[in-house]
Amino acid sequence: MPTVLVIDDDLFVLATVGDTLRGAGYTVLTVQSPAEAFHLDLSGVAAILCDYNMPEMNGSDVLVAMRELQECRAPFIFLTGHSDLDDLLPVAIRYGAELLPKPVDASELTRLLRKQIAA
């Protein structure tokens, strides 16, 4: 099954999203910070789920770094509890990312992942 990288500073989110994805048959890598993610070999990653609001770096910066510095082209999905999605939309559109609000709905997550990986 495809490998999905989940980046979130919240251990509860990492655990619940990780469990949901493993239950759907995905191999899951979880990290608590973008710095940890940048040290991984991303060549086998089929999709990236990334929290938008993190202390050291926001999701937009992570996406730009993944695309421009690491040349990672895996589909990217922002996980956000941010109530005003208008701030995220320009970056999401520019880089072809998706937005998924928190709390994450398991069926919506797996549906969106299947769609992104198949694209």
C-alpha atoms as a PDB file:
ATOM      1  CA  MET A   1       0.000   0.000   0.000  1.00  0.00           C
ATOM      2  CA  PRO A   2       1.073   3.613  -0.470  1.00  0.00           C
ATOM      3  CA  THR A   3       3.074   5.425   2.187  1.00  0.00           C
ATOM      4  CA  VAL A   4       1.635   8.606   3.704  1.00  0.00           C
ATOM      5  CA  LEU A   5       3.667  11.122   5.716  1.00  0.00           C
ATOM      6  CA  VAL A   6       1.769  12.935   8.493  1.00  0.00           C
ATOM      7  CA  ILE A   7       3.327  16.092   9.990  1.00  0.00           C
ATOM      8  CA  ASP A   8       1.622  17.529  13.072  1.00  0.00           C
ATOM      9  CA  ASP A   9       2.868  18.889  16.396  1.00  0.00           C
ATOM     10  CA  ASP A  10      -0.171  17.394  18.184  1.00  0.00           C
ATOM     11  CA  LEU A  11       0.479  13.796  19.294  1.00  0.00           C
ATOM     12  CA  PHE A  12      -3.248  13.053  19.518  1.00  0.00           C
ATOM     13  CA  VAL A  13      -3.769  14.075  15.880  1.00  0.00           C
ATOM     14  CA  LEU A  14      -0.751  12.008  14.812  1.00  0.00           C
ATOM     15  CA  ALA A  15      -2.135   8.972  16.632  1.00  0.00           C
ATOM     16  CA  THR A  16      -5.729   9.253  15.408  1.00  0.00           C
ATOM     17  CA  VAL A  17      -4.867  10.099  11.802  1.00  0.00           C
ATOM     18  CA  GLY A  18      -2.182   7.405  11.803  1.00  0.00           C
ATOM     19  CA  ASP A  19      -4.621   4.797  13.127  1.00  0.00           C
ATOM     20  CA  THR A  20      -7.245   5.812  10.562  1.00  0.00           C
ATOM     21  CA  LEU A  21      -4.792   5.514   7.687  1.00  0.00           C
ATOM     22  CA  ARG A  22      -3.332   2.210   8.878  1.00  0.00           C
ATOM     23  CA  GLY A  23      -6.885   0.876   9.191  1.00  0.00           C
ATOM     24  CA  ALA A  24      -7.437   1.877   5.559  1.00  0.00           C
ATOM     25  CA  GLY A  25      -4.337  -0.071   4.549  1.00  0.00           C
ATOM     26  CA  TYR A  26      -1.760   2.708   4.218  1.00  0.00           C
ATOM     27  CA  THR A  27       1.796   2.621   5.502  1.00  0.00           C
ATOM     28  CA  VAL A  28       2.158   5.684   7.738  1.00  0.00           C
ATOM     29  CA  LEU A  29       5.143   7.791   8.757  1.00  0.00           C
ATOM     30  CA  THR A  30       4.456  10.332  11.516  1.00  0.00           C
ATOM     31  CA  VAL A  31       6.652  13.233  12.613  1.00  0.00           C
ATOM     32  CA  GLN A  32       6.028  16.075  15.061  1.00  0.00           C
ATOM     33  CA  SER A  33       7.919  18.772  13.198  1.00  0.00           C
ATOM     34  CA  PRO A  34       8.832  19.870   9.690  1.00  0.00           C
ATOM     35  CA  ALA A  35      12.508  19.557  10.631  1.00  0.00           C
ATOM     36  CA  GLU A  36      12.003  15.826  11.192  1.00  0.00           C
ATOM     37  CA  ALA A  37      10.228  15.530   7.844  1.00  0.00           C
ATOM     38  CA  PHE A  38      13.069  17.242   5.977  1.00  0.00           C
ATOM     39  CA  HIS A  39      15.465  14.550   7.203  1.00  0.00           C
ATOM     40  CA  LEU A  40      13.396  11.746   5.664  1.00  0.00           C
ATOM     41  CA  ASP A  41      13.807  10.205   2.241  1.00  0.00           C
ATOM     42  CA  LEU A  42      10.555  11.350   0.645  1.00  0.00           C
ATOM     43  CA  SER A  43      11.023   9.509  -2.636  1.00  0.00           C
ATOM     44  CA  GLY A  44       8.613   6.712  -1.654  1.00  0.00           C
ATOM     45  CA  VAL A  45       5.964   8.944  -0.082  1.00  0.00           C
ATOM     46  CA  ALA A  46       2.652   8.865  -1.987  1.00  0.00           C
ATOM     47  CA  ALA A  47       1.032  11.788  -0.097  1.00  0.00           C
ATOM     48  CA  ILE A  48       1.749  14.276   2.683  1.00  0.00           C
ATOM     49  CA  LEU A  49      -0.725  15.424   5.340  1.00  0.00           C
ATOM     50  CA  CYS A  50       0.524  18.498   7.170  1.00  0.00           C
ATOM     51  CA  ASP A  51      -0.868  20.604   9.990  1.00  0.00           C
ATOM     52  CA  TYR A  52      -1.094  24.242   8.962  1.00  0.00           C
ATOM     53  CA  ASN A  53      -0.388  25.855  12.356  1.00  0.00           C
ATOM     54  CA  MET A  54       2.835  24.592  13.922  1.00  0.00           C
ATOM     55  CA  PRO A  55       5.266  26.457  16.185  1.00  0.00           C
ATOM     56  CA  GLU A  56       8.416  26.309  14.081  1.00  0.00           C
ATOM     57  CA  MET A  57       6.965  26.601  10.586  1.00  0.00           C
ATOM     58  CA  ASN A  58       3.497  26.922   9.080  1.00  0.00           C
ATOM     59  CA  GLY A  59       2.084  24.514   6.538  1.00  0.00           C
ATOM     60  CA  SER A  60       2.552  26.935   3.640  1.00  0.00           C
ATOM     61  CA  ASP A  61       6.272  27.142   4.358  1.00  0.00           C
ATOM     62  CA  VAL A  62       6.498  23.359   4.625  1.00  0.00           C
ATOM     63  CA  LEU A  63       4.735  22.933   1.285  1.00  0.00           C
ATOM     64  CA  VAL A  64       6.976  25.475  -0.458  1.00  0.00           C
ATOM     65  CA  ALA A  65      10.097  23.838   0.991  1.00  0.00           C
ATOM     66  CA  MET A  66       8.917  20.370  -0.050  1.00  0.00           C
ATOM     67  CA  ARG A  67       8.144  21.522  -3.584  1.00  0.00           C
ATOM     68  CA  GLU A  68      11.018  23.897  -4.221  1.00  0.00           C
ATOM     69  CA  LEU A  69      13.877  22.726  -2.043  1.00  0.00           C
ATOM     70  CA  GLN A  70      13.320  18.990  -1.910  1.00  0.00           C
ATOM     71  CA  GLU A  71      11.536  18.669  -5.252  1.00  0.00           C
ATOM     72  CA  CYS A  72       8.903  16.459  -3.635  1.00  0.00           C
ATOM     73  CA  ARG A  73       5.840  16.205  -5.867  1.00  0.00           C
ATOM     74  CA  ALA A  74       3.671  14.024  -3.620  1.00  0.00           C
ATOM     75  CA  PRO A  75       0.092  15.263  -3.209  1.00  0.00           C
ATOM     76  CA  PHE A  76      -0.169  17.599  -0.216  1.00  0.00           C
ATOM     77  CA  ILE A  77      -3.133  17.997   2.125  1.00  0.00           C
ATOM     78  CA  PHE A  78      -3.299  20.698   4.799  1.00  0.00           C
ATOM     79  CA  LEU A  79      -4.921  19.636   8.074  1.00  0.00           C
ATOM     80  CA  THR A  80      -6.248  22.738   9.740  1.00  0.00           C
ATOM     81  CA  GLY A  81      -8.304  23.877  12.667  1.00  0.00           C
ATOM     82  CA  HIS A  82      -7.936  27.370  11.213  1.00  0.00           C
ATOM     83  CA  SER A  83     -11.418  28.841  10.907  1.00  0.00           C
ATOM     84  CA  ASP A  84     -10.624  31.235   8.063  1.00  0.00           C
ATOM     85  CA  LEU A  85      -9.636  29.016   5.152  1.00  0.00           C
ATOM     86  CA  ASP A  86      -9.369  32.075   2.869  1.00  0.00           C
ATOM     87  CA  ASP A  87      -5.814  32.600   4.139  1.00  0.00           C
ATOM     88  CA  LEU A  88      -4.832  29.107   3.037  1.00  0.00           C
ATOM     89  CA  LEU A  89      -6.587  29.003  -0.297  1.00  0.00           C
ATOM     90  CA  PRO A  90      -4.061  30.973  -2.420  1.00  0.00           C
ATOM     91  CA  VAL A  91      -1.165  28.709  -1.413  1.00  0.00           C
ATOM     92  CA  ALA A  92      -3.273  25.574  -1.777  1.00  0.00           C
ATOM     93  CA  ILE A  93      -4.334  26.596  -5.277  1.00  0.00           C
ATOM     94  CA  ARG A  94      -0.827  27.642  -6.334  1.00  0.00           C
ATOM     95  CA  TYR A  95       0.676  24.293  -5.360  1.00  0.00           C
ATOM     96  CA  GLY A  96      -2.298  22.044  -6.032  1.00  0.00           C
ATOM     97  CA  ALA A  97      -2.829  21.201  -2.355  1.00  0.00           C
ATOM     98  CA  GLU A  98      -6.086  20.259  -0.653  1.00  0.00           C
ATOM     99  CA  LEU A  99      -7.543  21.506   2.638  1.00  0.00           C
ATOM    100  CA  LEU A 100      -9.063  19.234   5.275  1.00  0.00           C
ATOM    101  CA  PRO A 101     -10.559  20.790   8.425  1.00  0.00           C
ATOM    102  CA  LYS A 102      -9.934  19.471  11.932  1.00  0.00           C
ATOM    103  CA  PRO A 103     -11.289  17.507  13.578  1.00  0.00           C
ATOM    104  CA  VAL A 104     -10.556  15.144  10.720  1.00  0.00           C
ATOM    105  CA  ASP A 105     -13.454  13.056   9.443  1.00  0.00           C
ATOM    106  CA  ALA A 106     -12.064   9.555   8.771  1.00  0.00           C
ATOM    107  CA  SER A 107     -14.174   8.837   5.691  1.00  0.00           C
ATOM    108  CA  GLU A 108     -13.417  12.254   4.161  1.00  0.00           C
ATOM    109  CA  LEU A 109      -9.712  11.767   4.847  1.00  0.00           C
ATOM    110  CA  THR A 110      -9.535   8.379   3.146  1.00  0.00           C
ATOM    111  CA  ARG A 111     -11.701   9.571   0.220  1.00  0.00           C
ATOM    112  CA  LEU A 112      -9.504  12.618  -0.345  1.00  0.00           C
ATOM    113  CA  LEU A 113      -6.309  10.581  -0.072  1.00  0.00           C
ATOM    114  CA  ARG A 114      -7.513   8.018  -2.607  1.00  0.00           C
ATOM    115  CA  LYS A 115      -8.436  10.850  -4.978  1.00  0.00           C
ATOM    116  CA  GLN A 116      -5.091  12.617  -4.537  1.00  0.00           C
ATOM    117  CA  ILE A 117      -2.969   9.498  -4.913  1.00  0.00           C
ATOM    118  CA  ALA A 118      -4.885   8.376  -8.012  1.00  0.00           C
ATOM    119  CA  ALA A 119      -4.479  11.784  -9.703  1.00  0.00           C
END
